[in-house]
Protein backbone atom coordinates (compact mmCIF):
# COMPACT_ATOMS: atom_id res chain seq x y z
CA MET A 1 0.00 0.00 0.00
CA GLY A 2 1.28 3.44 -0.80
CA LYS A 3 0.78 6.82 0.80
CA THR A 4 -2.75 7.51 2.00
CA ASP A 5 -2.71 11.29 2.04
CA ASN A 6 -5.81 11.32 -0.15
CA LEU A 7 -7.77 9.38 2.49
CA TYR A 8 -6.54 10.85 5.77
CA ILE A 9 -5.68 14.41 6.64
CA ASN A 10 -2.36 14.66 8.44
CA HIS A 11 -2.33 16.83 11.54
CA ASP A 12 -0.19 17.60 14.56
CA ILE A 13 -1.24 16.79 18.12
CA THR A 14 -2.16 19.87 20.15
CA GLU A 15 -3.55 20.55 23.63
CA LYS A 16 -7.12 20.10 22.38
CA ASP A 17 -6.36 16.46 21.50
CA ILE A 18 -5.12 15.68 25.02
CA LEU A 19 -7.61 14.01 27.39
CA PHE A 20 -5.26 13.34 30.33
CA GLU A 21 -1.64 14.17 31.03
CA ASP A 22 0.77 13.96 33.95
CA ASN A 23 4.43 13.05 34.42
CA HIS A 24 3.72 9.37 33.83
CA LEU A 25 0.91 9.06 31.29
CA VAL A 26 -0.71 10.90 28.40
CA ALA A 27 -4.07 10.06 26.83
CA VAL A 28 -5.16 11.32 23.41
CA ASN A 29 -8.51 11.48 21.65
CA LYS A 30 -7.43 9.61 18.54
CA ARG A 31 -8.97 10.69 15.27
CA ALA A 32 -10.28 7.99 12.98
CA GLY A 33 -7.63 7.52 10.33
CA ASP A 34 -4.59 7.83 12.59
CA ILE A 35 -2.33 4.79 12.80
CA VAL A 36 -1.03 4.17 16.32
CA GLN A 37 2.38 2.86 15.22
CA VAL A 38 4.31 2.99 11.97
CA ASP A 39 3.12 0.56 9.30
CA ASP A 40 3.91 -0.06 5.65
CA THR A 41 1.96 3.01 4.49
CA GLY A 42 4.80 5.24 5.65
CA ASP A 43 2.27 7.65 7.16
CA GLU A 44 3.28 9.48 10.33
CA SER A 45 2.03 7.50 13.31
CA LEU A 46 0.17 8.73 16.36
CA ASP A 47 2.96 7.76 18.75
CA GLU A 48 5.37 9.85 16.67
CA LYS A 49 2.97 12.81 16.77
CA VAL A 50 2.47 12.55 20.54
CA ALA A 51 6.22 12.22 21.15
CA LYS A 52 6.73 15.36 19.07
CA TYR A 53 4.04 17.20 21.08
CA ILE A 54 5.74 16.25 24.37
CA ALA A 55 9.22 17.13 23.09
CA ILE A 56 8.05 20.60 22.05
CA LYS A 57 5.95 21.27 25.17
CA TYR A 58 8.65 20.21 27.63
CA HIS A 59 11.66 21.38 25.61
CA LYS A 60 13.20 17.95 25.09
CA PRO A 61 15.56 18.41 22.13
CA ASN A 62 16.67 14.75 22.18
CA LYS A 63 13.16 13.40 21.67
CA ALA A 64 10.74 12.34 24.39
CA PHE A 65 10.19 8.79 25.63
CA LEU A 66 6.77 7.44 24.71
CA GLY A 67 5.59 3.88 25.26
CA VAL A 68 2.69 2.31 23.36
CA VAL A 69 0.55 0.21 25.71
CA HIS A 70 -2.47 -0.60 23.52
CA ARG A 71 -3.79 0.06 20.04
CA LEU A 72 -6.91 1.10 18.19
CA ASP A 73 -7.55 0.09 14.60
CA ARG A 74 -6.86 2.84 12.09
CA PRO A 75 -10.55 3.53 11.23
CA VAL A 76 -11.51 3.75 14.94
CA SER A 77 -11.57 6.94 17.04
CA GLY A 78 -11.35 7.58 20.76
CA VAL A 79 -9.19 7.44 23.85
CA ILE A 80 -5.76 5.86 23.63
CA LEU A 81 -3.20 5.84 26.42
CA PHE A 82 0.58 6.19 26.22
CA ALA A 83 3.27 5.90 28.90
CA ARG A 84 5.73 8.74 29.39
CA THR A 85 8.24 6.72 31.43
CA SER A 86 9.54 3.16 31.28
CA LYS A 87 8.24 2.52 34.81
CA ALA A 88 4.75 3.64 33.84
CA LEU A 89 4.93 1.55 30.65
CA GLU A 90 5.74 -1.60 32.58
CA ARG A 91 2.97 -1.00 35.14
CA VAL A 92 0.28 -0.06 32.62
CA ASN A 93 1.14 -3.15 30.56
CA ALA A 94 0.53 -5.16 33.74
CA LEU A 95 -2.88 -3.48 34.19
CA PHE A 96 -3.93 -4.47 30.68
CA LYS A 97 -2.58 -7.99 31.10
CA SER A 98 -4.43 -8.41 34.41
CA ARG A 99 -7.65 -6.97 32.88
CA LEU A 100 -7.65 -4.12 35.38
CA MET A 101 -8.16 -1.57 32.61
CA ASN A 102 -11.88 -1.01 32.11
CA LYS A 103 -12.70 -0.03 28.52
CA THR A 104 -15.99 1.22 27.11
CA TYR A 105 -16.73 1.65 23.40
CA LEU A 106 -19.64 3.07 21.44
CA ALA A 107 -20.66 1.49 18.14
CA VAL A 108 -23.31 2.47 15.60
CA VAL A 109 -25.08 -0.27 13.63
CA ARG A 110 -28.06 -0.44 11.26
CA ASN A 111 -29.69 -3.57 12.69
CA ARG A 112 -31.26 -3.69 16.14
CA PRO A 113 -29.31 -6.20 18.26
CA VAL A 114 -31.26 -9.26 19.40
CA PRO A 115 -31.22 -9.58 22.33
CA GLU A 116 -30.79 -5.87 23.11
CA SER A 117 -28.13 -6.62 25.74
CA GLY A 118 -25.97 -9.59 26.53
CA ASN A 119 -22.59 -11.27 26.82
CA LEU A 120 -20.74 -12.64 23.80
CA VAL A 121 -18.01 -15.28 23.97
CA HIS A 122 -16.17 -16.45 20.87
CA TRP A 123 -12.82 -17.90 19.94
CA LEU A 124 -10.98 -15.72 17.44
CA ILE A 125 -8.28 -16.39 14.89
CA LYS A 126 -6.67 -13.54 12.97
CA ASN A 127 -5.33 -13.99 9.45
CA PRO A 128 -2.38 -11.55 9.40
CA GLN A 129 -2.00 -11.75 5.62
CA LYS A 130 -5.59 -10.61 5.01
CA ASN A 131 -5.84 -8.61 8.26
CA VAL A 132 -9.18 -10.26 9.03
CA THR A 133 -10.32 -12.02 12.21
CA LYS A 134 -12.72 -14.98 12.18
CA ALA A 135 -15.01 -15.85 15.12
CA TYR A 136 -15.85 -19.40 16.18
CA ASN A 137 -18.50 -20.50 18.68
CA GLU A 138 -16.20 -23.16 20.11
CA GLU A 139 -12.49 -23.33 20.74
CA VAL A 140 -10.44 -24.36 17.72
CA PRO A 141 -6.67 -24.84 17.41
CA GLY A 142 -4.82 -21.52 17.56
CA SER A 143 -7.86 -19.53 18.68
CA LEU A 144 -8.06 -16.97 21.51
CA ARG A 145 -11.04 -16.69 23.83
CA SER A 146 -12.81 -13.36 23.37
CA GLU A 147 -15.54 -11.92 25.59
CA LEU A 148 -17.55 -8.70 25.72
CA ASN A 149 -20.73 -7.27 27.21
CA TYR A 150 -23.01 -5.05 25.15
CA LYS A 151 -26.27 -3.14 25.49
CA LEU A 152 -28.45 -1.06 23.22
CA ILE A 153 -28.39 2.63 24.22
CA GLY A 154 -30.91 4.03 21.75
CA GLU A 155 -32.05 4.53 18.17
CA MET A 156 -31.71 7.55 15.92
CA GLY A 157 -32.93 7.75 12.32
CA GLY A 158 -32.71 4.04 11.68
CA TYR A 159 -29.30 3.69 13.34
CA TYR A 160 -28.72 1.96 16.68
CA LEU A 161 -26.16 3.05 19.27
CA ILE A 162 -24.58 0.20 21.24
CA GLU A 163 -22.33 0.41 24.30
CA VAL A 164 -19.66 -2.29 24.40
CA ASP A 165 -17.45 -3.34 27.31
CA PRO A 166 -14.75 -5.73 26.07
CA LEU A 167 -13.47 -8.07 28.77
CA THR A 168 -10.59 -9.23 26.60
CA GLY A 169 -8.48 -7.33 24.09
CA ARG A 170 -8.22 -9.19 20.80
CA PRO A 171 -7.54 -7.82 17.30
CA HIS A 172 -10.80 -6.61 15.70
CA GLN A 173 -12.70 -8.17 18.60
CA ILE A 174 -15.66 -5.78 18.81
CA ARG A 175 -15.97 -5.56 15.04
CA VAL A 176 -16.15 -9.32 14.44
CA GLN A 177 -18.19 -10.17 17.55
CA LEU A 178 -20.90 -7.60 16.77
CA SER A 179 -21.04 -8.96 13.23
CA THR A 180 -22.02 -12.37 14.67
CA LEU A 181 -25.19 -10.65 15.98
CA ASP A 182 -25.93 -9.50 12.42
CA CYS A 183 -24.91 -6.03 13.62
CA PRO A 184 -21.88 -5.04 11.53
CA ILE A 185 -20.59 -1.59 12.46
CA VAL A 186 -21.52 1.21 10.07
CA GLY A 187 -18.79 1.58 7.44
CA ASP A 188 -17.09 -1.71 8.33
CA ASN A 189 -17.42 -3.62 5.07
CA LYS A 190 -14.62 -5.94 6.20
CA TYR A 191 -17.09 -7.46 8.67
CA GLY A 192 -20.34 -7.39 6.76
CA TYR A 193 -21.51 -3.79 6.42
CA PRO A 194 -22.66 -3.43 2.79
CA ARG A 195 -20.42 -0.47 1.97
CA GLY A 196 -17.36 1.26 3.32
CA SER A 197 -17.07 4.89 4.33
CA LEU A 198 -15.59 7.29 1.80
CA ARG A 199 -13.38 8.52 4.64
CA LYS A 200 -12.23 4.95 5.37
CA THR A 201 -13.59 5.19 8.92
CA ILE A 202 -16.02 3.02 10.86
CA ALA A 203 -18.57 4.05 13.52
CA LEU A 204 -16.63 2.66 16.49
CA HIS A 205 -15.41 5.02 19.21
CA ALA A 206 -13.29 4.19 22.26
CA ARG A 207 -15.34 6.21 24.72
CA ARG A 208 -13.80 5.60 28.13
CA LEU A 209 -10.84 4.21 30.10
CA GLN A 210 -11.06 3.64 33.85
CA PHE A 211 -8.18 2.34 35.96
CA ILE A 212 -6.06 2.88 39.05
CA HIS A 213 -3.06 5.08 38.28
CA PRO A 214 0.00 2.79 38.17
CA VAL A 215 2.22 5.24 40.08
CA LYS A 216 -0.08 7.52 42.10
CA ASN A 217 -2.52 4.71 43.01
CA GLU A 218 -5.47 7.03 42.37
CA PRO A 219 -8.58 6.30 40.27
CA VAL A 220 -8.40 7.68 36.73
CA ASP A 221 -11.47 8.11 34.52
CA ILE A 222 -10.79 9.32 30.97
CA LEU A 223 -13.69 10.19 28.68
CA ALA A 224 -13.28 10.86 24.96
CA PRO A 225 -15.81 13.27 23.36
CA LEU A 226 -17.49 11.99 20.22
CA PRO A 227 -15.94 13.03 16.90
CA HIS A 228 -17.40 16.13 15.27
CA ASP A 229 -17.66 14.72 11.78
CA GLY A 230 -21.27 15.29 10.81
CA PHE A 231 -22.34 11.78 11.82
CA TRP A 232 -21.56 11.16 15.49
CA GLU A 233 -23.21 14.43 16.56
CA LYS A 234 -26.61 12.83 15.89
CA PHE A 235 -26.10 10.47 18.84
CA GLU A 236 -24.82 12.88 21.48
CA HIS A 237 -28.25 13.28 23.07
CA LEU A 238 -28.47 9.52 23.61
CA ILE A 239 -25.43 9.41 25.88
């Protein structure tokens, strides 16, 4: 794949993108279209942009340390957390591994989920060559157990807003598990939505992160405002 400048608008990280920041951590409201780490497109990655923001803000001419602790798919928006020190990186990684990082997502679909709330458990296998994950109802060789809770929040103009709380963190987990309900996410033609978005985005937003600060031992609750893109604004009154 070549440069994607025609699909995504490059931008620098500024104060208005920052959701939380202290000496140990920094959280950003990721725009749909940003890649978290460098890939074969050659596009500037979000971790590079955030490191640049920190280096400029704190006058660090030799580049700032920034550790990636989790990822969001490129077409997904919302809160993403980075570590500003190696100690914080190690401890936040432990929080994710121990499932002590509570994550909440919002997804928009065209089909009403049946039932309207529930728990989904599947076993997932990702095909790295095709960058597609397949869900199985029973464990198969090489699969990873995947679990989430979901509930319908409301309906607007024939679209349904779903809140999702993933209990595991697997590649494309929410996207493929919602598709098993016949509820592919709007714009996600990789997992069954009939057409893709012209902006190459999908209607999945990482809304919230809640955890105990790995250094200060204080509760942290980070909320990411919905994108202002002409679509998500329709659902603000539902949340």
